[in-house]
Amino acid sequence: MKNSLKKLKVRNLIAVIAALCALTTPFLSRAQPLTVSITVVNNSNREIRHVYVSHVNADDWSADQLTAASIQPGQSYVLQNVSCDQGQIKVIGEDKEGCFLSGVVSCGSDATWTITNNTPVDCGQ
């Protein structure tokens, strides 16, 4: 009898743990994406007029994140509250010639992307 009672208690405990796991799973899947600040440093001779963000392996660009007129050579600009739902995010800059530069930064904490004259440029050619 004692052995049967112990088995019943263990089964009840397992059932309670399983129920708790099942109930908390939906809440975990609705976790809010992390928001970070990304500092764009322009150490190139290009004037950056637009800045976008995207998932790393996708072309799902955001709206223009640059609220200033541009990022002049030697200046920097901080993108605030950038939503990151993955470990990394792609930052894309567009210069006054319509050419695109991009870099990938970590979403673990606030990040910096530095544009230099050696940053690869895509001018659609």
N, C-alpha and C. Protein backbone atom coordinates (compact mmCIF):
# COMPACT_ATOMS: atom_id res chain seq x y z
N MET A 1 0.82 -1.19 0.00
CA MET A 1 0.00 0.00 0.00
C MET A 1 0.86 1.26 0.00
N LYS A 2 1.92 1.26 0.86
CA LYS A 2 2.80 2.42 0.91
C LYS A 2 3.47 2.63 -0.43
N ASN A 3 3.87 1.56 -1.08
CA ASN A 3 4.54 1.64 -2.38
C ASN A 3 3.60 2.23 -3.43
N SER A 4 2.35 1.84 -3.42
CA SER A 4 1.36 2.37 -4.37
C SER A 4 1.12 3.85 -4.14
N LEU A 5 1.10 4.27 -2.88
CA LEU A 5 0.90 5.68 -2.55
C LEU A 5 2.07 6.52 -3.03
N LYS A 6 3.30 6.02 -2.88
CA LYS A 6 4.49 6.73 -3.35
C LYS A 6 4.45 6.88 -4.87
N LYS A 7 4.07 5.82 -5.56
CA LYS A 7 3.98 5.87 -7.03
C LYS A 7 2.95 6.90 -7.47
N LEU A 8 1.83 6.95 -6.76
CA LEU A 8 0.78 7.90 -7.08
C LEU A 8 1.28 9.34 -6.89
N LYS A 9 2.01 9.60 -5.82
CA LYS A 9 2.55 10.93 -5.57
C LYS A 9 3.56 11.33 -6.64
N VAL A 10 4.40 10.39 -7.03
CA VAL A 10 5.38 10.68 -8.08
C VAL A 10 4.67 10.98 -9.40
N ARG A 11 3.65 10.19 -9.73
CA ARG A 11 2.89 10.43 -10.97
C ARG A 11 2.21 11.80 -10.93
N ASN A 12 1.65 12.15 -9.79
CA ASN A 12 1.00 13.46 -9.66
C ASN A 12 2.02 14.59 -9.80
N LEU A 13 3.18 14.41 -9.22
CA LEU A 13 4.23 15.42 -9.34
C LEU A 13 4.67 15.58 -10.79
N ILE A 14 4.84 14.48 -11.48
CA ILE A 14 5.22 14.53 -12.90
C ILE A 14 4.13 15.21 -13.72
N ALA A 15 2.88 14.92 -13.41
CA ALA A 15 1.77 15.54 -14.14
C ALA A 15 1.73 17.04 -13.91
N VAL A 16 1.99 17.48 -12.68
CA VAL A 16 2.00 18.90 -12.38
C VAL A 16 3.14 19.60 -13.12
N ILE A 17 4.31 19.01 -13.12
CA ILE A 17 5.46 19.58 -13.83
C ILE A 17 5.18 19.67 -15.32
N ALA A 18 4.63 18.62 -15.90
CA ALA A 18 4.30 18.63 -17.33
C ALA A 18 3.27 19.71 -17.64
N ALA A 19 2.27 19.86 -16.78
CA ALA A 19 1.26 20.89 -17.01
C ALA A 19 1.86 22.29 -16.93
N LEU A 20 2.74 22.51 -15.97
CA LEU A 20 3.40 23.81 -15.87
C LEU A 20 4.23 24.11 -17.11
N CYS A 21 4.95 23.12 -17.60
CA CYS A 21 5.75 23.31 -18.82
C CYS A 21 4.85 23.66 -20.00
N ALA A 22 3.74 22.95 -20.13
CA ALA A 22 2.82 23.20 -21.24
C ALA A 22 2.20 24.59 -21.14
N LEU A 23 1.92 25.04 -19.94
CA LEU A 23 1.30 26.35 -19.77
C LEU A 23 2.27 27.51 -19.99
N THR A 24 3.54 27.33 -19.69
CA THR A 24 4.50 28.43 -19.84
C THR A 24 5.08 28.53 -21.24
N THR A 25 5.00 27.51 -22.05
CA THR A 25 5.57 27.54 -23.40
C THR A 25 5.00 28.67 -24.26
N PRO A 26 3.70 28.92 -24.29
CA PRO A 26 3.20 30.04 -25.11
C PRO A 26 3.76 31.40 -24.68
N PHE A 27 3.97 31.59 -23.40
CA PHE A 27 4.51 32.86 -22.92
C PHE A 27 5.95 33.04 -23.38
N LEU A 28 6.71 31.97 -23.42
CA LEU A 28 8.09 32.06 -23.88
C LEU A 28 8.16 32.40 -25.36
N SER A 29 7.24 31.90 -26.16
CA SER A 29 7.27 32.17 -27.60
C SER A 29 6.84 33.60 -27.92
N ARG A 30 6.20 34.28 -26.97
CA ARG A 30 5.78 35.66 -27.17
C ARG A 30 6.77 36.66 -26.58
N ALA A 31 7.95 36.22 -26.28
CA ALA A 31 8.95 37.11 -25.70
C ALA A 31 9.22 38.26 -26.65
N GLN A 32 9.39 39.43 -26.08
CA GLN A 32 9.64 40.62 -26.87
C GLN A 32 11.05 40.59 -27.45
N PRO A 33 11.22 41.07 -28.69
CA PRO A 33 12.57 41.14 -29.24
C PRO A 33 13.41 42.14 -28.45
N LEU A 34 14.68 41.89 -28.43
CA LEU A 34 15.62 42.78 -27.77
C LEU A 34 15.72 44.07 -28.57
N THR A 35 15.84 45.20 -27.89
CA THR A 35 16.10 46.46 -28.59
C THR A 35 17.49 46.94 -28.19
N VAL A 36 18.22 47.40 -29.18
CA VAL A 36 19.59 47.87 -28.96
C VAL A 36 19.77 49.22 -29.65
N SER A 37 20.84 49.88 -29.29
CA SER A 37 21.27 51.10 -29.98
C SER A 37 22.46 50.72 -30.85
N ILE A 38 22.49 51.24 -32.06
CA ILE A 38 23.60 50.98 -32.97
C ILE A 38 24.20 52.31 -33.37
N THR A 39 25.48 52.49 -33.07
CA THR A 39 26.18 53.71 -33.46
C THR A 39 26.81 53.49 -34.82
N VAL A 40 26.46 54.33 -35.78
CA VAL A 40 27.05 54.29 -37.12
C VAL A 40 28.13 55.36 -37.16
N VAL A 41 29.37 54.93 -37.33
CA VAL A 41 30.51 55.85 -37.38
C VAL A 41 30.95 55.95 -38.83
N ASN A 42 30.98 57.17 -39.36
CA ASN A 42 31.36 57.37 -40.75
C ASN A 42 32.81 57.85 -40.83
N ASN A 43 33.72 56.90 -40.96
CA ASN A 43 35.14 57.22 -41.12
C ASN A 43 35.55 57.09 -42.59
N SER A 44 34.62 57.38 -43.48
CA SER A 44 34.89 57.32 -44.92
C SER A 44 34.79 58.74 -45.49
N ASN A 45 34.98 58.84 -46.80
CA ASN A 45 34.80 60.14 -47.44
C ASN A 45 33.42 60.25 -48.09
N ARG A 46 32.50 59.34 -47.73
CA ARG A 46 31.16 59.33 -48.30
C ARG A 46 30.17 60.01 -47.36
N GLU A 47 29.19 60.68 -47.92
CA GLU A 47 28.08 61.24 -47.15
C GLU A 47 26.98 60.19 -47.12
N ILE A 48 26.60 59.72 -45.95
CA ILE A 48 25.56 58.70 -45.81
C ILE A 48 24.22 59.40 -45.62
N ARG A 49 23.28 59.14 -46.55
CA ARG A 49 21.99 59.84 -46.51
C ARG A 49 20.84 59.00 -45.98
N HIS A 50 21.00 57.68 -45.99
CA HIS A 50 19.94 56.80 -45.50
C HIS A 50 20.59 55.62 -44.78
N VAL A 51 19.92 55.13 -43.73
CA VAL A 51 20.38 53.95 -43.00
C VAL A 51 19.19 53.04 -42.78
N TYR A 52 19.36 51.76 -43.10
CA TYR A 52 18.32 50.75 -42.96
C TYR A 52 18.87 49.60 -42.13
N VAL A 53 17.97 48.77 -41.60
CA VAL A 53 18.38 47.53 -40.95
C VAL A 53 17.59 46.38 -41.57
N SER A 54 18.16 45.19 -41.45
CA SER A 54 17.56 44.01 -42.05
C SER A 54 18.02 42.78 -41.30
N HIS A 55 17.26 41.69 -41.41
CA HIS A 55 17.79 40.41 -40.95
C HIS A 55 19.03 40.10 -41.78
N VAL A 56 19.95 39.35 -41.23
CA VAL A 56 21.24 39.12 -41.87
C VAL A 56 21.10 38.43 -43.22
N ASN A 57 20.31 37.39 -43.32
CA ASN A 57 20.21 36.62 -44.57
C ASN A 57 18.91 36.88 -45.32
N ALA A 58 18.44 38.11 -45.25
CA ALA A 58 17.18 38.45 -45.92
C ALA A 58 17.26 39.87 -46.46
N ASP A 59 16.39 40.16 -47.41
CA ASP A 59 16.29 41.51 -47.96
C ASP A 59 15.00 42.16 -47.46
N ASP A 60 14.80 42.12 -46.16
CA ASP A 60 13.60 42.70 -45.55
C ASP A 60 13.95 44.01 -44.86
N TRP A 61 14.42 44.94 -45.65
CA TRP A 61 14.91 46.22 -45.13
C TRP A 61 13.81 46.98 -44.41
N SER A 62 14.21 47.67 -43.38
CA SER A 62 13.30 48.55 -42.64
C SER A 62 13.11 49.85 -43.41
N ALA A 63 12.30 50.71 -42.84
CA ALA A 63 12.23 52.09 -43.33
C ALA A 63 13.54 52.78 -42.97
N ASP A 64 13.77 53.93 -43.54
CA ASP A 64 14.98 54.70 -43.25
C ASP A 64 15.03 55.01 -41.75
N GLN A 65 16.13 54.65 -41.11
CA GLN A 65 16.31 54.87 -39.68
C GLN A 65 16.98 56.20 -39.36
N LEU A 66 17.45 56.89 -40.38
CA LEU A 66 18.20 58.13 -40.19
C LEU A 66 17.24 59.31 -40.13
N THR A 67 17.16 59.93 -38.96
CA THR A 67 16.28 61.10 -38.82
C THR A 67 17.05 62.38 -39.07
N ALA A 68 18.37 62.32 -39.06
CA ALA A 68 19.18 63.49 -39.41
C ALA A 68 19.24 63.59 -40.93
N ALA A 69 19.68 64.72 -41.45
CA ALA A 69 19.78 64.91 -42.90
C ALA A 69 20.77 63.93 -43.51
N SER A 70 21.89 63.71 -42.84
CA SER A 70 22.91 62.79 -43.34
C SER A 70 23.97 62.57 -42.26
N ILE A 71 24.84 61.61 -42.50
CA ILE A 71 26.01 61.40 -41.64
C ILE A 71 27.22 61.79 -42.48
N GLN A 72 27.77 62.93 -42.18
CA GLN A 72 28.91 63.46 -42.93
C GLN A 72 30.19 62.67 -42.58
N PRO A 73 31.21 62.72 -43.45
CA PRO A 73 32.49 62.11 -43.11
C PRO A 73 32.99 62.63 -41.76
N GLY A 74 33.44 61.70 -40.92
CA GLY A 74 33.94 62.08 -39.60
C GLY A 74 32.86 62.18 -38.52
N GLN A 75 31.60 62.02 -38.89
CA GLN A 75 30.51 62.10 -37.91
C GLN A 75 30.01 60.71 -37.56
N SER A 76 29.20 60.66 -36.52
CA SER A 76 28.53 59.41 -36.15
C SER A 76 27.07 59.71 -35.85
N TYR A 77 26.28 58.65 -35.81
CA TYR A 77 24.85 58.78 -35.56
C TYR A 77 24.41 57.53 -34.80
N VAL A 78 23.54 57.70 -33.82
CA VAL A 78 23.08 56.58 -33.02
C VAL A 78 21.64 56.22 -33.42
N LEU A 79 21.44 54.99 -33.86
CA LEU A 79 20.10 54.46 -34.12
C LEU A 79 19.58 53.95 -32.77
N GLN A 80 18.47 54.47 -32.32
CA GLN A 80 17.91 54.10 -31.01
C GLN A 80 16.84 53.04 -31.16
N ASN A 81 16.75 52.17 -30.18
CA ASN A 81 15.67 51.18 -30.07
C ASN A 81 15.49 50.34 -31.32
N VAL A 82 16.59 49.84 -31.85
CA VAL A 82 16.53 48.94 -33.01
C VAL A 82 16.10 47.57 -32.50
N SER A 83 15.05 47.03 -33.10
CA SER A 83 14.52 45.74 -32.68
C SER A 83 15.35 44.60 -33.27
N CYS A 84 15.82 43.72 -32.40
CA CYS A 84 16.62 42.56 -32.81
C CYS A 84 15.92 41.30 -32.33
N ASP A 85 15.48 40.46 -33.26
CA ASP A 85 14.87 39.20 -32.86
C ASP A 85 15.76 38.01 -33.19
N GLN A 86 17.01 38.30 -33.58
CA GLN A 86 18.01 37.27 -33.83
C GLN A 86 19.32 37.71 -33.17
N GLY A 87 20.35 36.92 -33.32
CA GLY A 87 21.63 37.23 -32.69
C GLY A 87 22.40 38.35 -33.35
N GLN A 88 22.09 38.60 -34.63
CA GLN A 88 22.78 39.65 -35.38
C GLN A 88 21.78 40.40 -36.24
N ILE A 89 22.20 41.59 -36.69
CA ILE A 89 21.37 42.38 -37.59
C ILE A 89 22.28 43.05 -38.62
N LYS A 90 21.76 43.20 -39.83
CA LYS A 90 22.52 43.87 -40.89
C LYS A 90 22.14 45.34 -40.91
N VAL A 91 23.16 46.20 -40.99
CA VAL A 91 22.96 47.64 -41.09
C VAL A 91 23.40 48.06 -42.49
N ILE A 92 22.56 48.81 -43.18
CA ILE A 92 22.84 49.21 -44.56
C ILE A 92 22.84 50.73 -44.63
N GLY A 93 23.90 51.28 -45.20
CA GLY A 93 23.98 52.72 -45.41
C GLY A 93 23.90 53.01 -46.90
N GLU A 94 23.24 54.09 -47.25
CA GLU A 94 23.16 54.52 -48.65
C GLU A 94 23.79 55.90 -48.75
N ASP A 95 24.74 56.03 -49.68
CA ASP A 95 25.41 57.31 -49.82
C ASP A 95 24.67 58.21 -50.81
N LYS A 96 25.18 59.41 -51.02
CA LYS A 96 24.48 60.39 -51.87
C LYS A 96 24.48 59.98 -53.34
N GLU A 97 25.33 59.02 -53.72
CA GLU A 97 25.37 58.51 -55.10
C GLU A 97 24.40 57.35 -55.31
N GLY A 98 23.71 56.91 -54.25
CA GLY A 98 22.79 55.78 -54.35
C GLY A 98 23.50 54.44 -54.21
N CYS A 99 24.73 54.43 -53.72
CA CYS A 99 25.48 53.20 -53.50
C CYS A 99 25.22 52.71 -52.07
N PHE A 100 25.27 51.40 -51.89
CA PHE A 100 24.96 50.79 -50.59
C PHE A 100 26.20 50.17 -49.97
N LEU A 101 26.32 50.35 -48.66
CA LEU A 101 27.37 49.74 -47.86
C LEU A 101 26.66 48.99 -46.74
N SER A 102 27.19 47.88 -46.31
CA SER A 102 26.52 47.16 -45.23
C SER A 102 27.52 46.50 -44.30
N GLY A 103 27.04 46.22 -43.12
CA GLY A 103 27.83 45.52 -42.12
C GLY A 103 26.88 44.79 -41.19
N VAL A 104 27.39 43.78 -40.52
CA VAL A 104 26.61 42.98 -39.58
C VAL A 104 27.12 43.25 -38.18
N VAL A 105 26.19 43.50 -37.26
CA VAL A 105 26.56 43.73 -35.86
C VAL A 105 25.79 42.77 -34.97
N SER A 106 26.32 42.55 -33.80
CA SER A 106 25.71 41.66 -32.82
C SER A 106 24.56 42.36 -32.12
N CYS A 107 23.54 41.59 -31.77
CA CYS A 107 22.39 42.14 -31.06
C CYS A 107 22.46 41.86 -29.56
N GLY A 108 23.57 41.33 -29.08
CA GLY A 108 23.69 41.01 -27.66
C GLY A 108 23.66 42.23 -26.78
N SER A 109 24.14 43.35 -27.28
CA SER A 109 24.14 44.62 -26.55
C SER A 109 24.29 45.73 -27.57
N ASP A 110 24.37 46.97 -27.10
CA ASP A 110 24.56 48.08 -28.02
C ASP A 110 25.80 47.82 -28.87
N ALA A 111 25.75 48.27 -30.12
CA ALA A 111 26.82 47.94 -31.07
C ALA A 111 27.27 49.17 -31.84
N THR A 112 28.41 49.03 -32.52
CA THR A 112 28.95 50.09 -33.37
C THR A 112 29.28 49.50 -34.73
N TRP A 113 28.88 50.20 -35.79
CA TRP A 113 29.27 49.85 -37.15
C TRP A 113 30.08 51.02 -37.69
N THR A 114 31.31 50.74 -38.07
CA THR A 114 32.18 51.79 -38.59
C THR A 114 32.33 51.63 -40.10
N ILE A 115 31.99 52.69 -40.82
CA ILE A 115 32.15 52.73 -42.28
C ILE A 115 33.52 53.35 -42.57
N THR A 116 34.30 52.68 -43.39
CA THR A 116 35.60 53.22 -43.81
C THR A 116 35.63 53.27 -45.33
N ASN A 117 36.69 53.83 -45.88
CA ASN A 117 36.85 53.84 -47.34
C ASN A 117 37.06 52.44 -47.89
N ASN A 118 37.35 51.47 -47.02
CA ASN A 118 37.54 50.08 -47.45
C ASN A 118 36.27 49.24 -47.32
N THR A 119 35.18 49.80 -46.79
CA THR A 119 33.93 49.06 -46.69
C THR A 119 33.43 48.79 -48.10
N PRO A 120 33.12 47.52 -48.42
CA PRO A 120 32.62 47.20 -49.77
C PRO A 120 31.38 48.00 -50.12
N VAL A 121 31.31 48.44 -51.37
CA VAL A 121 30.24 49.29 -51.85
C VAL A 121 29.54 48.60 -53.01
N ASP A 122 28.19 48.62 -53.01
CA ASP A 122 27.39 48.07 -54.09
C ASP A 122 26.67 49.23 -54.77
N CYS A 123 27.11 49.56 -55.98
CA CYS A 123 26.48 50.64 -56.75
C CYS A 123 25.60 50.10 -57.87
N GLY A 124 25.22 48.82 -57.77
CA GLY A 124 24.32 48.24 -58.74
C GLY A 124 24.95 47.94 -60.10
N GLN A 125 26.24 47.83 -60.15
CA GLN A 125 26.88 47.59 -61.43
C GLN A 125 27.38 46.18 -61.53
